[in-house]
Each structure stands twice: as structure tokens, then as C-alpha cells.
């Protein structure tokens, strides 16, 4: 979340009504719109929702995409632990 508050993109995965989904969140609306254009998400689907910055407790303007189904990026496998 801190990354999103600093203007980066934060992918927050969760399950909603039994379906995997994610929010792609940022205070940088322009960056989110660039991502949407790159993957074909209509700009009108971008949602505004102020978020509380966990460092300060101050609410900040933020936006997010709801990513479900084909819009949900695949998970990358975790790297194998080092051999001992």
C-alpha cells in the first residue's frame, strides 16, 4: 500500500464471493489510466476511492481498477528456497 501512496501501482489480490480478484491501486491516476490503455480496460471503469495513508493517517485521493476474470494477471510462481 505504501508503494501506491508513493505513486506506484499496488496489486492487492483477494477473493470476492468465492472468485479470485484484485484491485490495482495508486494515487497516480495517470499511471493507472496508462495501464488500462495498455491492457484494454475502458477508462470509465476506473474507480475513485480515497485511502488512508498508513504512515500519516491522512486520507488521500486514490483510484483503482477491479481486476477479475481475463483482467486478473496470472500469479508468478514463488522462487524455490535455496538449497542447504
Protein backbone atom coordinates (compact mmCIF):
# COMPACT_ATOMS: atom_id res chain seq x y z
CA UNK A 1 0.00 0.00 0.00
CA UNK A 2 2.88 2.35 0.76
CA UNK A 3 4.07 1.87 -2.83
CA UNK A 4 0.63 3.03 -4.08
CA UNK A 5 0.76 6.04 -1.75
CA UNK A 6 4.12 6.98 -3.30
CA UNK A 7 2.64 6.91 -6.81
CA UNK A 8 3.40 3.33 -7.81
CA UNK A 9 0.95 0.57 -8.74
CA UNK A 10 -0.09 -1.83 -5.96
CA UNK A 11 -1.79 -5.11 -6.90
CA UNK A 12 -3.94 -6.22 -3.97
CA UNK A 13 -5.23 -9.78 -4.52
CA UNK A 14 -8.22 -11.16 -2.65
CA UNK A 15 -11.32 -13.32 -3.07
CA UNK A 16 -14.78 -11.83 -3.53
CA UNK A 17 -17.85 -14.07 -3.40
CA UNK A 18 -15.59 -17.06 -3.99
CA UNK A 19 -13.93 -15.56 -7.09
CA UNK A 20 -10.28 -14.51 -7.23
CA UNK A 21 -9.89 -10.82 -7.99
CA UNK A 22 -7.54 -7.93 -7.36
CA UNK A 23 -7.52 -4.19 -7.05
CA UNK A 24 -4.77 -2.30 -8.87
CA UNK A 25 -4.40 0.81 -6.71
CA UNK A 26 -2.49 4.11 -6.88
CA UNK A 27 -2.67 7.79 -6.02
CA UNK A 28 -1.29 8.29 -9.57
CA UNK A 29 -4.41 8.32 -11.74
CA UNK A 30 -2.38 8.92 -14.92
CA UNK A 31 -0.29 5.79 -14.36
CA UNK A 32 -3.42 3.70 -13.75
CA UNK A 33 -5.01 5.02 -16.96
CA UNK A 34 -1.82 4.18 -18.90
CA UNK A 35 -2.03 0.62 -17.57
CA UNK A 36 -5.70 0.42 -18.53
CA UNK A 37 -4.99 1.60 -22.07
CA UNK A 38 -2.18 -0.97 -22.38
CA UNK A 39 -4.43 -3.90 -21.46
CA UNK A 40 -7.69 -2.63 -22.96
CA UNK A 41 -9.66 -1.63 -19.84
CA UNK A 42 -12.13 1.19 -20.61
CA UNK A 43 -11.23 4.38 -18.70
CA UNK A 44 -14.78 4.68 -17.33
CA UNK A 45 -14.15 1.53 -15.24
CA UNK A 46 -11.52 3.33 -13.15
CA UNK A 47 -12.90 3.89 -9.65
CA UNK A 48 -12.14 6.73 -7.23
CA UNK A 49 -11.74 5.87 -3.56
CA UNK A 50 -9.75 7.94 -1.05
CA UNK A 51 -7.47 5.82 1.11
CA UNK A 52 -5.90 6.45 4.48
CA UNK A 53 -2.13 6.64 4.27
CA UNK A 54 -0.93 4.16 6.94
CA UNK A 55 2.13 6.32 7.65
CA UNK A 56 0.22 9.51 8.46
CA UNK A 57 -3.44 8.57 8.92
CA UNK A 58 -4.35 11.25 6.34
CA UNK A 59 -6.86 10.34 3.62
CA UNK A 60 -5.53 10.77 0.10
CA UNK A 61 -7.21 10.70 -3.28
CA UNK A 62 -6.65 7.29 -4.85
CA UNK A 63 -8.05 5.25 -7.72
CA UNK A 64 -8.28 1.55 -8.53
CA UNK A 65 -9.22 -0.96 -11.18
CA UNK A 66 -11.26 -4.04 -10.22
CA UNK A 67 -9.46 -6.90 -11.96
CA UNK A 68 -11.42 -10.15 -12.39
CA UNK A 69 -11.53 -12.95 -14.94
CA UNK A 70 -9.42 -12.17 -18.02
CA UNK A 71 -8.27 -8.85 -16.49
CA UNK A 72 -6.67 -10.61 -13.49
CA UNK A 73 -2.92 -11.06 -14.11
CA UNK A 74 -1.66 -14.62 -13.53
CA UNK A 75 0.29 -15.32 -10.37
CA UNK A 76 4.02 -15.79 -10.75
CA UNK A 77 5.40 -18.89 -9.06
CA UNK A 78 7.44 -18.26 -5.92
CA UNK A 79 11.17 -18.89 -6.26
CA UNK A 80 12.47 -22.14 -4.82
CA UNK A 81 14.17 -21.82 -1.43
CA UNK A 82 17.96 -22.04 -1.52
CA UNK A 83 19.45 -25.49 -1.04
CA UNK A 84 21.27 -26.13 2.23
